[in-house]
Amino acid sequence: MHPQVTLDAATVAANARAWQEFAGVPVWAVVKGDGYGWGIGRIVAAVDGVSAGFCVSDEDELRELRRHTAAPAVLLGAVPLERLAAVLHLDATPTIGTREELKLVREVALSRGRRPCFRIGLRAAAAWSGLSLSEIGLLAADLACADADVEVWSHVTDWERRSEQLQRFEEALRIVRAAGARISSSDVASTFTLATEGARGTARVRVGIGLFGATGGRRIPGVRCALRVAAPLVRAERLAEDTRTGYGSLTLSAGETIAVVRCGYADGLPRSLTGSKNMLSIGMQYLTLHISGEQTVPPMLSLIDEHTDLDALATEAGLLPHEIVMGFGKSACARANARPSR
């Protein structure tokens, strides 16, 4: 007996289409973190024909992506110089930041009879890939001389200072243009920024957690929760005496009804949701629910479905929606991988 933890592919695809209609520019699907824990291949299959391209973090994720699609791909993380040629031969656009990297990109592209193409990132916070505004200024002349297609990108990392970060991105675009480099594309908006600020006039947007139904709390027409979690009923009982729940101190009175279902934090259900709605106790494998009145308990209880507000659920748990999605994804994939092959 196990809970049913699944991802509805049709909803993921519908979400991608809804985000594209909302943005008014092409959507690139972010599949980092092994597709947010659900597997890169599963997300690729869901948005095939909808997403204009894919975003990964590093070479390992790029190689996994190439097992499923030859669609355009960009790397969000920095690539070591010694691995840069391998990334280019996998037909992905890397983020570069030095003259040595620029030279290598040009050499590989010309050897393949192609126009050089690379990304320049504006570093928004420490440890992120990219350059500062002053470093972009120092490299700008080389970008112009490279006779290449330059993609400029950044990411909003400080929500309270997003206006400032977006203004700095516009300054980075101005610096590159002023040097005479050809900007072939630009992107700064990811899911939450897109929902609040729009595409900000850029040529594409990056959507990751938005594919699963998160919006940052704003209503985006057509975007729904893609997670499906249903738990089998173990038993329902009317308490014969005052009883504490789980490991906690909450005491239920005699005569109250509870249901125990097979789903816990080992399956991805955050323990921090204890006390939310009718969830009395969340253990490793079992959830105790309070049942009101004469409510009939079905053999399978839906805990998360298309009507679930993923952002609100994450807020109740004190987590990011990314953590909710990844927790269930890793659990579902681990169980699938543990099944004996036939």
C-alpha atoms as a PDB file:
ATOM      1  CA  MET A   1       0.000   0.000   0.000  1.00  0.00           C
ATOM      2  CA  HIS A   2       1.498   3.283  -1.143  1.00  0.00           C
ATOM      3  CA  PRO A   3       0.212   6.753  -1.984  1.00  0.00           C
ATOM      4  CA  GLN A   4      -0.208   7.652  -5.638  1.00  0.00           C
ATOM      5  CA  VAL A   5       2.224  10.486  -6.343  1.00  0.00           C
ATOM      6  CA  THR A   6       2.172  11.550  -9.990  1.00  0.00           C
ATOM      7  CA  LEU A   7       2.738  14.474 -12.304  1.00  0.00           C
ATOM      8  CA  ASP A   8       0.020  15.208 -14.841  1.00  0.00           C
ATOM      9  CA  ALA A   9       1.832  15.727 -18.144  1.00  0.00           C
ATOM     10  CA  ALA A  10      -1.182  17.306 -19.838  1.00  0.00           C
ATOM     11  CA  THR A  11      -1.340  19.961 -17.121  1.00  0.00           C
ATOM     12  CA  VAL A  12       2.399  20.658 -17.434  1.00  0.00           C
ATOM     13  CA  ALA A  13       1.933  21.197 -21.187  1.00  0.00           C
ATOM     14  CA  ALA A  14      -1.134  23.390 -20.615  1.00  0.00           C
ATOM     15  CA  ASN A  15       0.838  25.449 -18.091  1.00  0.00           C
ATOM     16  CA  ALA A  16       3.635  25.984 -20.608  1.00  0.00           C
ATOM     17  CA  ARG A  17       1.108  27.220 -23.173  1.00  0.00           C
ATOM     18  CA  ALA A  18      -0.558  29.472 -20.594  1.00  0.00           C
ATOM     19  CA  TRP A  19       2.764  31.048 -19.613  1.00  0.00           C
ATOM     20  CA  GLN A  20       3.652  31.643 -23.253  1.00  0.00           C
ATOM     21  CA  GLU A  21       0.328  33.345 -23.906  1.00  0.00           C
ATOM     22  CA  PHE A  22       0.788  35.464 -20.789  1.00  0.00           C
ATOM     23  CA  ALA A  23       4.391  36.402 -21.644  1.00  0.00           C
ATOM     24  CA  GLY A  24       3.847  37.116 -25.328  1.00  0.00           C
ATOM     25  CA  VAL A  25       7.330  35.752 -26.101  1.00  0.00           C
ATOM     26  CA  PRO A  26       8.745  32.201 -26.346  1.00  0.00           C
ATOM     27  CA  VAL A  27       8.989  30.169 -23.146  1.00  0.00           C
ATOM     28  CA  TRP A  28      12.131  28.187 -22.402  1.00  0.00           C
ATOM     29  CA  ALA A  29      11.563  25.354 -19.940  1.00  0.00           C
ATOM     30  CA  VAL A  30      13.956  25.187 -17.003  1.00  0.00           C
ATOM     31  CA  VAL A  31      14.716  21.534 -16.230  1.00  0.00           C
ATOM     32  CA  LYS A  32      17.533  21.956 -13.716  1.00  0.00           C
ATOM     33  CA  GLY A  33      17.651  19.786 -10.601  1.00  0.00           C
ATOM     34  CA  ASP A  34      16.767  16.755 -12.744  1.00  0.00           C
ATOM     35  CA  GLY A  35      13.524  18.373 -13.828  1.00  0.00           C
ATOM     36  CA  TYR A  36      12.778  19.588 -10.286  1.00  0.00           C
ATOM     37  CA  GLY A  37      13.121  16.024  -9.062  1.00  0.00           C
ATOM     38  CA  TRP A  38      10.742  14.497 -11.634  1.00  0.00           C
ATOM     39  CA  GLY A  39      13.320  13.583 -14.277  1.00  0.00           C
ATOM     40  CA  ILE A  40      14.444  15.721 -17.199  1.00  0.00           C
ATOM     41  CA  GLY A  41      12.985  13.255 -19.705  1.00  0.00           C
ATOM     42  CA  ARG A  42       9.517  13.477 -18.177  1.00  0.00           C
ATOM     43  CA  ILE A  43       9.425  17.286 -18.409  1.00  0.00           C
ATOM     44  CA  VAL A  44      10.850  17.276 -21.946  1.00  0.00           C
ATOM     45  CA  ALA A  45       8.173  14.822 -23.069  1.00  0.00           C
ATOM     46  CA  ALA A  46       5.440  16.947 -21.485  1.00  0.00           C
ATOM     47  CA  VAL A  47       6.404  20.254 -23.114  1.00  0.00           C
ATOM     48  CA  ASP A  48       7.683  18.897 -26.422  1.00  0.00           C
ATOM     49  CA  GLY A  49       6.443  21.187 -29.151  1.00  0.00           C
ATOM     50  CA  VAL A  50       5.474  23.903 -26.667  1.00  0.00           C
ATOM     51  CA  SER A  51       8.766  25.036 -25.174  1.00  0.00           C
ATOM     52  CA  ALA A  52      11.098  26.833 -27.585  1.00  0.00           C
ATOM     53  CA  GLY A  53      14.158  25.474 -25.766  1.00  0.00           C
ATOM     54  CA  PHE A  54      15.516  24.241 -22.452  1.00  0.00           C
ATOM     55  CA  CYS A  55      17.671  25.623 -19.644  1.00  0.00           C
ATOM     56  CA  VAL A  56      20.039  23.414 -17.648  1.00  0.00           C
ATOM     57  CA  SER A  57      22.645  24.184 -15.020  1.00  0.00           C
ATOM     58  CA  ASP A  58      25.711  22.255 -16.129  1.00  0.00           C
ATOM     59  CA  GLU A  59      27.246  19.775 -18.548  1.00  0.00           C
ATOM     60  CA  ASP A  60      25.899  16.711 -16.728  1.00  0.00           C
ATOM     61  CA  GLU A  61      22.336  17.979 -17.032  1.00  0.00           C
ATOM     62  CA  LEU A  62      22.979  18.894 -20.661  1.00  0.00           C
ATOM     63  CA  ARG A  63      24.073  15.334 -21.445  1.00  0.00           C
ATOM     64  CA  GLU A  64      20.923  13.998 -19.810  1.00  0.00           C
ATOM     65  CA  LEU A  65      18.847  16.500 -21.777  1.00  0.00           C
ATOM     66  CA  ARG A  66      20.426  15.333 -25.027  1.00  0.00           C
ATOM     67  CA  ARG A  67      19.191  11.799 -24.323  1.00  0.00           C
ATOM     68  CA  HIS A  68      15.669  13.134 -24.822  1.00  0.00           C
ATOM     69  CA  THR A  69      15.804  16.063 -27.238  1.00  0.00           C
ATOM     70  CA  ALA A  70      17.963  17.926 -29.747  1.00  0.00           C
ATOM     71  CA  ALA A  71      16.066  21.165 -29.072  1.00  0.00           C
ATOM     72  CA  PRO A  72      17.982  24.397 -28.379  1.00  0.00           C
ATOM     73  CA  ALA A  73      19.544  24.518 -24.930  1.00  0.00           C
ATOM     74  CA  VAL A  74      21.372  27.048 -22.766  1.00  0.00           C
ATOM     75  CA  LEU A  75      23.537  26.578 -19.692  1.00  0.00           C
ATOM     76  CA  LEU A  76      22.807  28.776 -16.704  1.00  0.00           C
ATOM     77  CA  GLY A  77      25.979  27.864 -14.849  1.00  0.00           C
ATOM     78  CA  ALA A  78      29.586  28.605 -15.729  1.00  0.00           C
ATOM     79  CA  VAL A  79      31.499  26.004 -17.732  1.00  0.00           C
ATOM     80  CA  PRO A  80      35.173  25.271 -16.972  1.00  0.00           C
ATOM     81  CA  LEU A  81      37.390  26.204 -19.910  1.00  0.00           C
ATOM     82  CA  GLU A  82      38.521  22.593 -20.347  1.00  0.00           C
ATOM     83  CA  ARG A  83      34.874  21.449 -20.718  1.00  0.00           C
ATOM     84  CA  LEU A  84      33.679  24.297 -22.928  1.00  0.00           C
ATOM     85  CA  ALA A  85      34.370  22.575 -26.259  1.00  0.00           C
ATOM     86  CA  ALA A  86      32.412  19.487 -25.163  1.00  0.00           C
ATOM     87  CA  VAL A  87      29.396  21.658 -24.315  1.00  0.00           C
ATOM     88  CA  LEU A  88      29.573  23.387 -27.690  1.00  0.00           C
ATOM     89  CA  HIS A  89      29.697  20.041 -29.504  1.00  0.00           C
ATOM     90  CA  LEU A  90      26.503  19.126 -27.676  1.00  0.00           C
ATOM     91  CA  ASP A  91      24.904  22.108 -29.426  1.00  0.00           C
ATOM     92  CA  ALA A  92      24.256  24.191 -26.340  1.00  0.00           C
ATOM     93  CA  THR A  93      24.856  27.879 -25.728  1.00  0.00           C
ATOM     94  CA  PRO A  94      27.167  28.438 -22.741  1.00  0.00           C
ATOM     95  CA  THR A  95      27.611  31.438 -20.497  1.00  0.00           C
ATOM     96  CA  ILE A  96      31.152  32.826 -20.861  1.00  0.00           C
ATOM     97  CA  GLY A  97      33.069  35.498 -19.001  1.00  0.00           C
ATOM     98  CA  THR A  98      36.674  35.670 -20.212  1.00  0.00           C
ATOM     99  CA  ARG A  99      38.594  36.434 -23.390  1.00  0.00           C
ATOM    100  CA  GLU A 100      39.977  32.887 -23.360  1.00  0.00           C
ATOM    101  CA  GLU A 101      36.479  31.439 -23.335  1.00  0.00           C
ATOM    102  CA  LEU A 102      35.384  33.829 -26.062  1.00  0.00           C
ATOM    103  CA  LYS A 103      38.328  32.787 -28.222  1.00  0.00           C
ATOM    104  CA  LEU A 104      37.561  29.085 -27.771  1.00  0.00           C
ATOM    105  CA  VAL A 105      33.876  29.551 -28.618  1.00  0.00           C
ATOM    106  CA  ARG A 106      34.833  31.306 -31.846  1.00  0.00           C
ATOM    107  CA  GLU A 107      37.367  28.628 -32.795  1.00  0.00           C
ATOM    108  CA  VAL A 108      34.926  25.754 -32.223  1.00  0.00           C
ATOM    109  CA  ALA A 109      32.098  27.523 -34.062  1.00  0.00           C
ATOM    110  CA  LEU A 110      34.233  28.386 -37.083  1.00  0.00           C
ATOM    111  CA  SER A 111      35.627  24.839 -37.237  1.00  0.00           C
ATOM    112  CA  ARG A 112      32.031  23.613 -37.488  1.00  0.00           C
ATOM    113  CA  GLY A 113      31.080  26.212 -40.076  1.00  0.00           C
ATOM    114  CA  ARG A 114      28.788  28.029 -37.671  1.00  0.00           C
ATOM    115  CA  ARG A 115      28.375  31.544 -36.390  1.00  0.00           C
ATOM    116  CA  PRO A 116      29.683  31.914 -32.818  1.00  0.00           C
ATOM    117  CA  CYS A 117      26.945  32.179 -30.198  1.00  0.00           C
ATOM    118  CA  PHE A 118      27.325  32.537 -26.439  1.00  0.00           C
ATOM    119  CA  ARG A 119      25.684  34.066 -23.384  1.00  0.00           C
ATOM    120  CA  ILE A 120      26.854  36.925 -21.193  1.00  0.00           C
ATOM    121  CA  GLY A 121      25.270  36.949 -17.766  1.00  0.00           C
ATOM    122  CA  LEU A 122      24.916  39.873 -15.400  1.00  0.00           C
ATOM    123  CA  ARG A 123      25.800  38.431 -12.006  1.00  0.00           C
ATOM    124  CA  ALA A 124      22.948  39.249  -9.650  1.00  0.00           C
ATOM    125  CA  ALA A 125      24.440  37.807  -6.446  1.00  0.00           C
ATOM    126  CA  ALA A 126      27.553  36.096  -5.152  1.00  0.00           C
ATOM    127  CA  ALA A 127      28.105  32.550  -6.482  1.00  0.00           C
ATOM    128  CA  TRP A 128      25.900  33.110  -9.542  1.00  0.00           C
ATOM    129  CA  SER A 129      27.504  32.778 -12.947  1.00  0.00           C
ATOM    130  CA  GLY A 130      28.090  35.957 -14.910  1.00  0.00           C
ATOM    131  CA  LEU A 131      29.910  39.262 -14.657  1.00  0.00           C
ATOM    132  CA  SER A 132      29.493  42.555 -12.872  1.00  0.00           C
ATOM    133  CA  LEU A 133      28.543  45.659 -14.858  1.00  0.00           C
ATOM    134  CA  SER A 134      32.149  46.855 -14.804  1.00  0.00           C
ATOM    135  CA  GLU A 135      33.427  43.461 -16.012  1.00  0.00           C
ATOM    136  CA  ILE A 136      30.885  43.473 -18.844  1.00  0.00           C
ATOM    137  CA  GLY A 137      32.169  46.916 -19.776  1.00  0.00           C
ATOM    138  CA  LEU A 138      35.751  45.641 -19.959  1.00  0.00           C
ATOM    139  CA  LEU A 139      34.734  42.692 -22.176  1.00  0.00           C
ATOM    140  CA  ALA A 140      32.290  44.619 -24.357  1.00  0.00           C
ATOM    141  CA  ALA A 141      34.799  45.642 -27.040  1.00  0.00           C
ATOM    142  CA  ASP A 142      35.888  42.022 -27.463  1.00  0.00           C
ATOM    143  CA  LEU A 143      32.252  40.989 -27.827  1.00  0.00           C
ATOM    144  CA  ALA A 144      31.844  43.471 -30.665  1.00  0.00           C
ATOM    145  CA  CYS A 145      34.956  42.200 -32.446  1.00  0.00           C
ATOM    146  CA  ALA A 146      33.904  38.566 -32.131  1.00  0.00           C
ATOM    147  CA  ASP A 147      31.330  38.830 -34.947  1.00  0.00           C
ATOM    148  CA  ALA A 148      29.037  36.635 -32.880  1.00  0.00           C
ATOM    149  CA  ASP A 149      25.465  36.328 -31.646  1.00  0.00           C
ATOM    150  CA  VAL A 150      25.438  37.475 -28.036  1.00  0.00           C
ATOM    151  CA  GLU A 151      22.674  36.511 -25.616  1.00  0.00           C
ATOM    152  CA  VAL A 152      22.471  38.687 -22.504  1.00  0.00           C
ATOM    153  CA  TRP A 153      20.744  37.368 -19.411  1.00  0.00           C
ATOM    154  CA  SER A 154      20.348  37.775 -15.670  1.00  0.00           C
ATOM    155  CA  HIS A 155      18.173  36.601 -12.798  1.00  0.00           C
ATOM    156  CA  VAL A 156      16.251  38.386 -10.043  1.00  0.00           C
ATOM    157  CA  THR A 157      17.667  37.120  -6.748  1.00  0.00           C
ATOM    158  CA  ASP A 158      16.402  39.787  -4.336  1.00  0.00           C
ATOM    159  CA  TRP A 159      12.620  40.197  -4.529  1.00  0.00           C
ATOM    160  CA  GLU A 160      12.564  43.385  -2.466  1.00  0.00           C
ATOM    161  CA  ARG A 161      15.153  44.969  -4.765  1.00  0.00           C
ATOM    162  CA  ARG A 162      13.894  43.548  -8.036  1.00  0.00           C
ATOM    163  CA  SER A 163      13.373  46.984  -9.612  1.00  0.00           C
ATOM    164  CA  GLU A 164      17.013  47.814  -8.992  1.00  0.00           C
ATOM    165  CA  GLN A 165      18.182  44.470 -10.372  1.00  0.00           C
ATOM    166  CA  LEU A 166      16.038  44.856 -13.481  1.00  0.00           C
ATOM    167  CA  GLN A 167      17.418  48.370 -14.037  1.00  0.00           C
ATOM    168  CA  ARG A 168      20.958  47.001 -13.783  1.00  0.00           C
ATOM    169  CA  PHE A 169      20.076  44.409 -16.419  1.00  0.00           C
ATOM    170  CA  GLU A 170      18.872  47.149 -18.753  1.00  0.00           C
ATOM    171  CA  GLU A 171      22.185  48.930 -18.157  1.00  0.00           C
ATOM    172  CA  ALA A 172      24.053  45.741 -19.108  1.00  0.00           C
ATOM    173  CA  LEU A 173      22.113  45.614 -22.375  1.00  0.00           C
ATOM    174  CA  ARG A 174      22.974  49.262 -23.028  1.00  0.00           C
ATOM    175  CA  ILE A 175      26.692  48.629 -22.439  1.00  0.00           C
ATOM    176  CA  VAL A 176      26.804  45.683 -24.841  1.00  0.00           C
ATOM    177  CA  ARG A 177      24.848  47.531 -27.521  1.00  0.00           C
ATOM    178  CA  ALA A 178      26.969  50.661 -27.160  1.00  0.00           C
ATOM    179  CA  ALA A 179      30.103  48.600 -27.831  1.00  0.00           C
ATOM    180  CA  GLY A 180      28.631  47.479 -31.161  1.00  0.00           C
ATOM    181  CA  ALA A 181      28.011  43.830 -30.277  1.00  0.00           C
ATOM    182  CA  ARG A 182      25.020  42.058 -31.828  1.00  0.00           C
ATOM    183  CA  ILE A 183      22.509  41.025 -29.166  1.00  0.00           C
ATOM    184  CA  SER A 184      20.582  38.125 -30.639  1.00  0.00           C
ATOM    185  CA  SER A 185      18.456  37.443 -27.557  1.00  0.00           C
ATOM    186  CA  SER A 186      17.946  38.470 -23.947  1.00  0.00           C
ATOM    187  CA  ASP A 187      16.187  37.016 -20.919  1.00  0.00           C
ATOM    188  CA  VAL A 188      15.775  38.112 -17.327  1.00  0.00           C
ATOM    189  CA  ALA A 189      12.267  37.010 -16.328  1.00  0.00           C
ATOM    190  CA  SER A 190      11.759  33.625 -14.696  1.00  0.00           C
ATOM    191  CA  THR A 191       8.465  32.406 -13.227  1.00  0.00           C
ATOM    192  CA  PHE A 192       7.854  34.806 -10.325  1.00  0.00           C
ATOM    193  CA  THR A 193       9.388  37.836 -12.043  1.00  0.00           C
ATOM    194  CA  LEU A 194       7.352  37.082 -15.157  1.00  0.00           C
ATOM    195  CA  ALA A 195       4.145  36.831 -13.145  1.00  0.00           C
ATOM    196  CA  THR A 196       4.771  40.213 -11.530  1.00  0.00           C
ATOM    197  CA  GLU A 197       6.752  42.274 -14.018  1.00  0.00           C
ATOM    198  CA  GLY A 198       5.969  40.627 -17.359  1.00  0.00           C
ATOM    199  CA  ALA A 199       8.635  39.751 -19.920  1.00  0.00           C
ATOM    200  CA  ARG A 200      10.302  43.161 -19.469  1.00  0.00           C
ATOM    201  CA  GLY A 201      10.757  43.552 -23.205  1.00  0.00           C
ATOM    202  CA  THR A 202      13.142  40.607 -23.500  1.00  0.00           C
ATOM    203  CA  ALA A 203      13.104  38.047 -26.310  1.00  0.00           C
ATOM    204  CA  ARG A 204      12.344  34.999 -24.151  1.00  0.00           C
ATOM    205  CA  VAL A 205      11.383  33.986 -20.640  1.00  0.00           C
ATOM    206  CA  ARG A 206      12.480  31.093 -18.463  1.00  0.00           C
ATOM    207  CA  VAL A 207       9.791  29.046 -16.701  1.00  0.00           C
ATOM    208  CA  GLY A 208      10.624  26.243 -14.301  1.00  0.00           C
ATOM    209  CA  ILE A 209       8.477  25.970 -11.184  1.00  0.00           C
ATOM    210  CA  GLY A 210       5.692  27.644 -13.163  1.00  0.00           C
ATOM    211  CA  LEU A 211       5.351  24.479 -15.241  1.00  0.00           C
ATOM    212  CA  PHE A 212       4.122  22.736 -12.086  1.00  0.00           C
ATOM    213  CA  GLY A 213       1.556  25.427 -11.291  1.00  0.00           C
ATOM    214  CA  ALA A 214       3.350  27.892  -9.019  1.00  0.00           C
ATOM    215  CA  THR A 215       2.974  31.584  -9.836  1.00  0.00           C
ATOM    216  CA  GLY A 216       4.292  33.365  -6.771  1.00  0.00           C
ATOM    217  CA  GLY A 217       0.732  33.911  -5.609  1.00  0.00           C
ATOM    218  CA  ARG A 218      -0.616  35.763  -8.625  1.00  0.00           C
ATOM    219  CA  ARG A 219      -3.379  34.463 -10.844  1.00  0.00           C
ATOM    220  CA  ILE A 220      -2.116  33.508 -14.293  1.00  0.00           C
ATOM    221  CA  PRO A 221      -4.980  32.378 -16.559  1.00  0.00           C
ATOM    222  CA  GLY A 222      -4.753  28.676 -17.381  1.00  0.00           C
ATOM    223  CA  VAL A 223      -2.005  27.805 -14.869  1.00  0.00           C
ATOM    224  CA  ARG A 224      -2.994  24.975 -12.527  1.00  0.00           C
ATOM    225  CA  CYS A 225      -1.286  22.594 -10.125  1.00  0.00           C
ATOM    226  CA  ALA A 226       0.212  19.628 -12.009  1.00  0.00           C
ATOM    227  CA  LEU A 227       0.910  17.495  -8.930  1.00  0.00           C
ATOM    228  CA  ARG A 228      -1.436  14.657  -8.032  1.00  0.00           C
ATOM    229  CA  VAL A 229      -1.188  13.069  -4.594  1.00  0.00           C
ATOM    230  CA  ALA A 230      -3.788  10.555  -3.451  1.00  0.00           C
ATOM    231  CA  ALA A 231      -3.469   8.504  -0.267  1.00  0.00           C
ATOM    232  CA  PRO A 232      -5.152   5.155   0.446  1.00  0.00           C
ATOM    233  CA  LEU A 233      -7.250   4.907   3.591  1.00  0.00           C
ATOM    234  CA  VAL A 234      -5.781   2.630   6.250  1.00  0.00           C
ATOM    235  CA  ARG A 235      -8.643   2.993   8.697  1.00  0.00           C
ATOM    236  CA  ALA A 236     -11.231   5.407  10.006  1.00  0.00           C
ATOM    237  CA  GLU A 237     -12.289   5.252  13.653  1.00  0.00           C
ATOM    238  CA  ARG A 238     -14.332   7.044  16.277  1.00  0.00           C
ATOM    239  CA  LEU A 239     -12.217   7.534  19.396  1.00  0.00           C
ATOM    240  CA  ALA A 240     -13.427   5.711  22.490  1.00  0.00           C
ATOM    241  CA  GLU A 241     -11.480   7.955  24.877  1.00  0.00           C
ATOM    242  CA  ASP A 242      -9.449  11.133  24.982  1.00  0.00           C
ATOM    243  CA  THR A 243      -6.339  10.436  22.888  1.00  0.00           C
ATOM    244  CA  ARG A 244      -3.218  12.301  21.874  1.00  0.00           C
ATOM    245  CA  THR A 245      -2.280  12.435  18.199  1.00  0.00           C
ATOM    246  CA  GLY A 246       0.980  11.110  16.828  1.00  0.00           C
ATOM    247  CA  TYR A 247       4.036  12.359  18.682  1.00  0.00           C
ATOM    248  CA  GLY A 248       2.404  15.673  19.515  1.00  0.00           C
ATOM    249  CA  SER A 249       0.611  17.087  22.503  1.00  0.00           C
ATOM    250  CA  LEU A 250      -2.739  17.691  20.785  1.00  0.00           C
ATOM    251  CA  THR A 251      -5.479  15.766  22.555  1.00  0.00           C
ATOM    252  CA  LEU A 252      -8.681  14.691  20.813  1.00  0.00           C
ATOM    253  CA  SER A 253     -11.842  14.080  22.752  1.00  0.00           C
ATOM    254  CA  ALA A 254     -13.735  10.826  22.929  1.00  0.00           C
ATOM    255  CA  GLY A 255     -16.269  10.555  20.139  1.00  0.00           C
ATOM    256  CA  GLU A 256     -14.194  12.446  17.550  1.00  0.00           C
ATOM    257  CA  THR A 257     -13.441  10.667  14.275  1.00  0.00           C
ATOM    258  CA  ILE A 258     -10.042  10.360  12.637  1.00  0.00           C
ATOM    259  CA  ALA A 259      -8.780   8.774   9.442  1.00  0.00           C
ATOM    260  CA  VAL A 260      -5.308   7.339   8.998  1.00  0.00           C
ATOM    261  CA  VAL A 261      -4.029   7.357   5.430  1.00  0.00           C
ATOM    262  CA  ARG A 262      -0.840   6.006   3.898  1.00  0.00           C
ATOM    263  CA  CYS A 263       1.193   9.119   3.109  1.00  0.00           C
ATOM    264  CA  GLY A 264       3.936  10.822   5.089  1.00  0.00           C
ATOM    265  CA  TYR A 265       7.111  12.799   4.839  1.00  0.00           C
ATOM    266  CA  ALA A 266       8.909   9.794   3.347  1.00  0.00           C
ATOM    267  CA  ASP A 267       6.586  10.276   0.367  1.00  0.00           C
ATOM    268  CA  GLY A 268       7.271  14.009   0.094  1.00  0.00           C
ATOM    269  CA  LEU A 269       4.458  15.355   2.290  1.00  0.00           C
ATOM    270  CA  PRO A 270       6.090  18.091   4.417  1.00  0.00           C
ATOM    271  CA  ARG A 271       5.836  17.406   8.142  1.00  0.00           C
ATOM    272  CA  SER A 272       5.492  21.158   8.639  1.00  0.00           C
ATOM    273  CA  LEU A 273       1.933  20.924   7.264  1.00  0.00           C
ATOM    274  CA  THR A 274       0.875  19.406  10.589  1.00  0.00           C
ATOM    275  CA  GLY A 275      -1.973  21.538  11.878  1.00  0.00           C
ATOM    276  CA  SER A 276      -2.900  22.788   8.422  1.00  0.00           C
ATOM    277  CA  LYS A 277      -6.543  22.264   7.543  1.00  0.00           C
ATOM    278  CA  ASN A 278      -7.518  18.894   9.016  1.00  0.00           C
ATOM    279  CA  MET A 279      -4.013  17.386   9.202  1.00  0.00           C
ATOM    280  CA  LEU A 280      -3.476  16.363  12.812  1.00  0.00           C
ATOM    281  CA  SER A 281      -0.229  14.432  12.581  1.00  0.00           C
ATOM    282  CA  ILE A 282       2.233  13.672   9.771  1.00  0.00           C
ATOM    283  CA  GLY A 283       4.630  10.809  10.337  1.00  0.00           C
ATOM    284  CA  MET A 284       7.137   9.136   8.087  1.00  0.00           C
ATOM    285  CA  GLN A 285       4.515   7.032   6.312  1.00  0.00           C
ATOM    286  CA  TYR A 286       1.128   7.911   7.795  1.00  0.00           C
ATOM    287  CA  LEU A 287      -1.062  10.984   7.983  1.00  0.00           C
ATOM    288  CA  THR A 288      -3.813  11.401  10.569  1.00  0.00           C
ATOM    289  CA  LEU A 289      -6.786  13.491   9.474  1.00  0.00           C
ATOM    290  CA  HIS A 290      -9.641  14.883  11.505  1.00  0.00           C
ATOM    291  CA  ILE A 291     -13.014  13.878  10.068  1.00  0.00           C
ATOM    292  CA  SER A 292     -15.940  16.163  10.787  1.00  0.00           C
ATOM    293  CA  GLY A 293     -19.455  14.991  11.579  1.00  0.00           C
ATOM    294  CA  GLU A 294     -20.736  11.969   9.740  1.00  0.00           C
ATOM    295  CA  GLN A 295     -18.438  12.503   6.756  1.00  0.00           C
ATOM    296  CA  THR A 296     -17.915   9.342   4.701  1.00  0.00           C
ATOM    297  CA  VAL A 297     -14.255   8.560   4.171  1.00  0.00           C
ATOM    298  CA  PRO A 298     -13.483   7.265   0.645  1.00  0.00           C
ATOM    299  CA  PRO A 299     -10.937   4.458   0.131  1.00  0.00           C
ATOM    300  CA  MET A 300      -8.597   6.925  -1.601  1.00  0.00           C
ATOM    301  CA  LEU A 301      -8.251  10.533  -0.419  1.00  0.00           C
ATOM    302  CA  SER A 302      -6.999  13.252  -2.745  1.00  0.00           C
ATOM    303  CA  LEU A 303      -4.460  15.419  -0.938  1.00  0.00           C
ATOM    304  CA  ILE A 304      -3.212  17.466  -3.913  1.00  0.00           C
ATOM    305  CA  ASP A 305      -4.931  17.899  -7.273  1.00  0.00           C
ATOM    306  CA  GLU A 306      -5.480  20.456 -10.039  1.00  0.00           C
ATOM    307  CA  HIS A 307      -7.488  22.657  -7.674  1.00  0.00           C
ATOM    308  CA  THR A 308      -4.651  22.919  -5.144  1.00  0.00           C
ATOM    309  CA  ASP A 309      -3.015  26.325  -4.780  1.00  0.00           C
ATOM    310  CA  LEU A 310       0.635  25.279  -4.868  1.00  0.00           C
ATOM    311  CA  ASP A 311       1.887  28.640  -3.610  1.00  0.00           C
ATOM    312  CA  ALA A 312      -0.551  28.663  -0.684  1.00  0.00           C
ATOM    313  CA  LEU A 313       0.369  25.068   0.185  1.00  0.00           C
ATOM    314  CA  ALA A 314       4.060  25.990   0.242  1.00  0.00           C
ATOM    315  CA  THR A 315       3.354  29.020   2.435  1.00  0.00           C
ATOM    316  CA  GLU A 316       1.427  26.866   4.919  1.00  0.00           C
ATOM    317  CA  ALA A 317       4.397  24.488   5.047  1.00  0.00           C
ATOM    318  CA  GLY A 318       6.908  27.330   5.435  1.00  0.00           C
ATOM    319  CA  LEU A 319       8.660  26.180   2.262  1.00  0.00           C
ATOM    320  CA  LEU A 320       9.219  27.272  -1.309  1.00  0.00           C
ATOM    321  CA  PRO A 321       6.952  25.599  -3.885  1.00  0.00           C
ATOM    322  CA  HIS A 322      10.190  24.293  -5.416  1.00  0.00           C
ATOM    323  CA  GLU A 323      10.775  22.233  -2.252  1.00  0.00           C
ATOM    324  CA  ILE A 324       7.250  20.825  -2.345  1.00  0.00           C
ATOM    325  CA  VAL A 325       7.596  19.804  -6.000  1.00  0.00           C
ATOM    326  CA  MET A 326      11.065  18.324  -5.570  1.00  0.00           C
ATOM    327  CA  GLY A 327      10.122  16.417  -2.430  1.00  0.00           C
ATOM    328  CA  PHE A 328       7.279  14.606  -4.136  1.00  0.00           C
ATOM    329  CA  GLY A 329       9.258  14.191  -7.362  1.00  0.00           C
ATOM    330  CA  LYS A 330      12.239  12.531  -5.736  1.00  0.00           C
ATOM    331  CA  SER A 331       9.960  10.221  -3.782  1.00  0.00           C
ATOM    332  CA  ALA A 332       7.986   9.215  -6.887  1.00  0.00           C
ATOM    333  CA  CYS A 333      11.119   8.627  -8.961  1.00  0.00           C
ATOM    334  CA  ALA A 334      12.811   6.637  -6.198  1.00  0.00           C
ATOM    335  CA  ARG A 335       9.792   4.354  -5.905  1.00  0.00           C
ATOM    336  CA  ALA A 336       9.600   3.928  -9.678  1.00  0.00           C
ATOM    337  CA  ASN A 337      13.302   3.049  -9.862  1.00  0.00           C
ATOM    338  CA  ALA A 338      12.946   0.532  -7.030  1.00  0.00           C
ATOM    339  CA  ARG A 339      10.315  -1.501  -8.838  1.00  0.00           C
ATOM    340  CA  PRO A 340      11.705  -4.774 -10.212  1.00  0.00           C
ATOM    341  CA  SER A 341      11.908  -4.858 -13.986  1.00  0.00           C
ATOM    342  CA  ARG A 342       9.769  -7.432 -15.763  1.00  0.00           C
END
